[in-house]
């Protein structure tokens, strides 16, 4: 029985190491969120830090309400992409190891 506990602890340590590595990898990735068919673009890191906002000049002359909506939409697109990337990476790490439903990793 102690051997199976040792195996579980070893698996947990491997998973923890993998999670840390994935966290570091994701934090360095840049994701592009877009709206308005690319008229507004947001570059965001895996840490959800916005690095750059690009707005097509044609929008600056138009209604500011629409511009504000497009910026918000592009940011939301970038956040969704970061979340999807994190989920995909974590599924690869936890494959084969039972994780309770609703359990969230530390990021």
C-alpha atoms as a PDB file:
ATOM      1  CA  UNK A   1       0.000   0.000   0.000  1.00  0.00           C
ATOM      2  CA  UNK A   2       2.815   2.431   0.770  1.00  0.00           C
ATOM      3  CA  UNK A   3       4.150   1.801  -2.716  1.00  0.00           C
ATOM      4  CA  UNK A   4       0.915   3.087  -4.280  1.00  0.00           C
ATOM      5  CA  UNK A   5       1.065   6.206  -2.078  1.00  0.00           C
ATOM      6  CA  UNK A   6       4.634   6.727  -3.235  1.00  0.00           C
ATOM      7  CA  UNK A   7       3.494   6.375  -6.843  1.00  0.00           C
ATOM      8  CA  UNK A   8       0.737   8.927  -6.282  1.00  0.00           C
ATOM      9  CA  UNK A   9       3.179  11.355  -4.688  1.00  0.00           C
ATOM     10  CA  UNK A  10       5.586  10.896  -7.582  1.00  0.00           C
ATOM     11  CA  UNK A  11       2.789  11.540 -10.102  1.00  0.00           C
ATOM     12  CA  UNK A  12       1.736  14.642  -8.161  1.00  0.00           C
ATOM     13  CA  UNK A  13       5.302  15.976  -8.198  1.00  0.00           C
ATOM     14  CA  UNK A  14       5.587  15.377 -11.940  1.00  0.00           C
ATOM     15  CA  UNK A  15       2.282  17.145 -12.516  1.00  0.00           C
ATOM     16  CA  UNK A  16       3.370  20.076 -10.348  1.00  0.00           C
ATOM     17  CA  UNK A  17       6.603  20.403 -12.332  1.00  0.00           C
ATOM     18  CA  UNK A  18       4.688  20.232 -15.605  1.00  0.00           C
ATOM     19  CA  UNK A  19       2.175  22.839 -14.444  1.00  0.00           C
ATOM     20  CA  UNK A  20       4.973  25.219 -13.478  1.00  0.00           C
ATOM     21  CA  UNK A  21       6.637  24.761 -16.859  1.00  0.00           C
ATOM     22  CA  UNK A  22       3.357  25.369 -18.690  1.00  0.00           C
ATOM     23  CA  UNK A  23       2.649  28.473 -16.595  1.00  0.00           C
ATOM     24  CA  UNK A  24       5.999  29.948 -17.577  1.00  0.00           C
ATOM     25  CA  UNK A  25       5.432  29.047 -21.224  1.00  0.00           C
ATOM     26  CA  UNK A  26       1.934  30.556 -21.313  1.00  0.00           C
ATOM     27  CA  UNK A  27       3.055  33.758 -19.589  1.00  0.00           C
ATOM     28  CA  UNK A  28       5.565  34.396 -22.375  1.00  0.00           C
ATOM     29  CA  UNK A  29       3.108  33.802 -25.238  1.00  0.00           C
ATOM     30  CA  UNK A  30       1.463  36.743 -26.989  1.00  0.00           C
ATOM     31  CA  UNK A  31      -2.123  36.372 -28.213  1.00  0.00           C
ATOM     32  CA  UNK A  32      -3.838  38.655 -30.729  1.00  0.00           C
ATOM     33  CA  UNK A  33      -7.474  39.553 -30.146  1.00  0.00           C
ATOM     34  CA  UNK A  34      -9.373  41.203 -32.974  1.00  0.00           C
ATOM     35  CA  UNK A  35     -12.687  42.839 -33.689  1.00  0.00           C
ATOM     36  CA  UNK A  36     -14.277  44.672 -36.580  1.00  0.00           C
ATOM     37  CA  UNK A  37     -12.616  42.327 -39.094  1.00  0.00           C
ATOM     38  CA  UNK A  38      -9.184  43.323 -37.812  1.00  0.00           C
ATOM     39  CA  UNK A  39      -9.821  47.065 -37.509  1.00  0.00           C
ATOM     40  CA  UNK A  40      -9.006  46.824 -33.805  1.00  0.00           C
ATOM     41  CA  UNK A  41      -6.261  44.492 -32.579  1.00  0.00           C
ATOM     42  CA  UNK A  42      -5.073  43.809 -29.050  1.00  0.00           C
ATOM     43  CA  UNK A  43      -1.816  42.020 -28.268  1.00  0.00           C
ATOM     44  CA  UNK A  44      -2.070  40.369 -24.850  1.00  0.00           C
ATOM     45  CA  UNK A  45       0.287  38.086 -22.951  1.00  0.00           C
ATOM     46  CA  UNK A  46      -0.695  34.819 -21.345  1.00  0.00           C
ATOM     47  CA  UNK A  47      -0.718  36.762 -18.076  1.00  0.00           C
ATOM     48  CA  UNK A  48      -3.550  38.847 -19.563  1.00  0.00           C
ATOM     49  CA  UNK A  49      -1.375  41.971 -19.791  1.00  0.00           C
ATOM     50  CA  UNK A  50      -2.183  44.132 -22.794  1.00  0.00           C
ATOM     51  CA  UNK A  51       1.019  44.922 -24.706  1.00  0.00           C
ATOM     52  CA  UNK A  52      -0.370  46.887 -27.631  1.00  0.00           C
ATOM     53  CA  UNK A  53      -3.619  48.252 -29.018  1.00  0.00           C
ATOM     54  CA  UNK A  54      -3.824  48.944 -32.753  1.00  0.00           C
ATOM     55  CA  UNK A  55      -6.767  50.916 -34.139  1.00  0.00           C
ATOM     56  CA  UNK A  56      -7.309  51.446 -37.842  1.00  0.00           C
ATOM     57  CA  UNK A  57      -7.208  55.177 -38.616  1.00  0.00           C
ATOM     58  CA  UNK A  58     -10.601  55.029 -40.322  1.00  0.00           C
ATOM     59  CA  UNK A  59     -12.206  54.323 -36.937  1.00  0.00           C
ATOM     60  CA  UNK A  60     -10.748  57.396 -35.265  1.00  0.00           C
ATOM     61  CA  UNK A  61     -12.878  59.613 -37.476  1.00  0.00           C
ATOM     62  CA  UNK A  62     -16.053  57.653 -36.758  1.00  0.00           C
ATOM     63  CA  UNK A  63     -18.303  57.374 -33.756  1.00  0.00           C
ATOM     64  CA  UNK A  64     -16.343  56.910 -30.505  1.00  0.00           C
ATOM     65  CA  UNK A  65     -19.050  54.604 -29.107  1.00  0.00           C
ATOM     66  CA  UNK A  66     -18.376  52.107 -31.869  1.00  0.00           C
ATOM     67  CA  UNK A  67     -14.628  52.401 -31.328  1.00  0.00           C
ATOM     68  CA  UNK A  68     -15.022  51.744 -27.609  1.00  0.00           C
ATOM     69  CA  UNK A  69     -17.175  48.678 -28.341  1.00  0.00           C
ATOM     70  CA  UNK A  70     -14.601  47.329 -30.795  1.00  0.00           C
ATOM     71  CA  UNK A  71     -11.735  47.791 -28.310  1.00  0.00           C
ATOM     72  CA  UNK A  72     -13.704  45.963 -25.610  1.00  0.00           C
ATOM     73  CA  UNK A  73     -14.590  43.202 -28.065  1.00  0.00           C
ATOM     74  CA  UNK A  74     -10.944  42.758 -29.138  1.00  0.00           C
ATOM     75  CA  UNK A  75      -9.837  42.553 -25.498  1.00  0.00           C
ATOM     76  CA  UNK A  76     -12.494  39.944 -24.756  1.00  0.00           C
ATOM     77  CA  UNK A  77     -11.389  37.974 -27.822  1.00  0.00           C
ATOM     78  CA  UNK A  78      -7.795  37.977 -26.554  1.00  0.00           C
ATOM     79  CA  UNK A  79      -8.882  36.862 -23.051  1.00  0.00           C
ATOM     80  CA  UNK A  80     -10.945  33.989 -24.516  1.00  0.00           C
ATOM     81  CA  UNK A  81      -7.958  32.879 -26.587  1.00  0.00           C
ATOM     82  CA  UNK A  82      -5.669  32.930 -23.534  1.00  0.00           C
ATOM     83  CA  UNK A  83      -8.202  30.886 -21.551  1.00  0.00           C
ATOM     84  CA  UNK A  84      -8.585  28.377 -24.385  1.00  0.00           C
ATOM     85  CA  UNK A  85      -4.787  28.016 -24.678  1.00  0.00           C
ATOM     86  CA  UNK A  86      -4.433  27.434 -20.932  1.00  0.00           C
ATOM     87  CA  UNK A  87      -7.191  24.824 -20.972  1.00  0.00           C
ATOM     88  CA  UNK A  88      -5.573  22.960 -23.877  1.00  0.00           C
ATOM     89  CA  UNK A  89      -2.159  22.982 -22.198  1.00  0.00           C
ATOM     90  CA  UNK A  90      -3.575  21.769 -18.870  1.00  0.00           C
ATOM     91  CA  UNK A  91      -5.502  18.941 -20.514  1.00  0.00           C
ATOM     92  CA  UNK A  92      -2.202  17.664 -21.882  1.00  0.00           C
ATOM     93  CA  UNK A  93      -0.623  17.737 -18.402  1.00  0.00           C
ATOM     94  CA  UNK A  94      -3.479  16.085 -16.536  1.00  0.00           C
ATOM     95  CA  UNK A  95      -4.118  13.348 -19.103  1.00  0.00           C
ATOM     96  CA  UNK A  96      -4.358  10.019 -17.324  1.00  0.00           C
ATOM     97  CA  UNK A  97      -4.425  11.536 -13.848  1.00  0.00           C
ATOM     98  CA  UNK A  98      -7.858  11.809 -12.269  1.00  0.00           C
ATOM     99  CA  UNK A  99      -8.686  15.439 -11.445  1.00  0.00           C
ATOM    100  CA  UNK A 100     -11.891  16.196  -9.518  1.00  0.00           C
ATOM    101  CA  UNK A 101     -14.600  18.001 -11.532  1.00  0.00           C
ATOM    102  CA  UNK A 102     -14.352  21.766 -11.144  1.00  0.00           C
ATOM    103  CA  UNK A 103     -10.784  21.566  -9.816  1.00  0.00           C
ATOM    104  CA  UNK A 104      -8.786  24.555 -11.042  1.00  0.00           C
ATOM    105  CA  UNK A 105      -5.042  24.638 -11.313  1.00  0.00           C
ATOM    106  CA  UNK A 106      -3.235  27.619  -9.827  1.00  0.00           C
ATOM    107  CA  UNK A 107      -3.696  29.831 -12.887  1.00  0.00           C
END
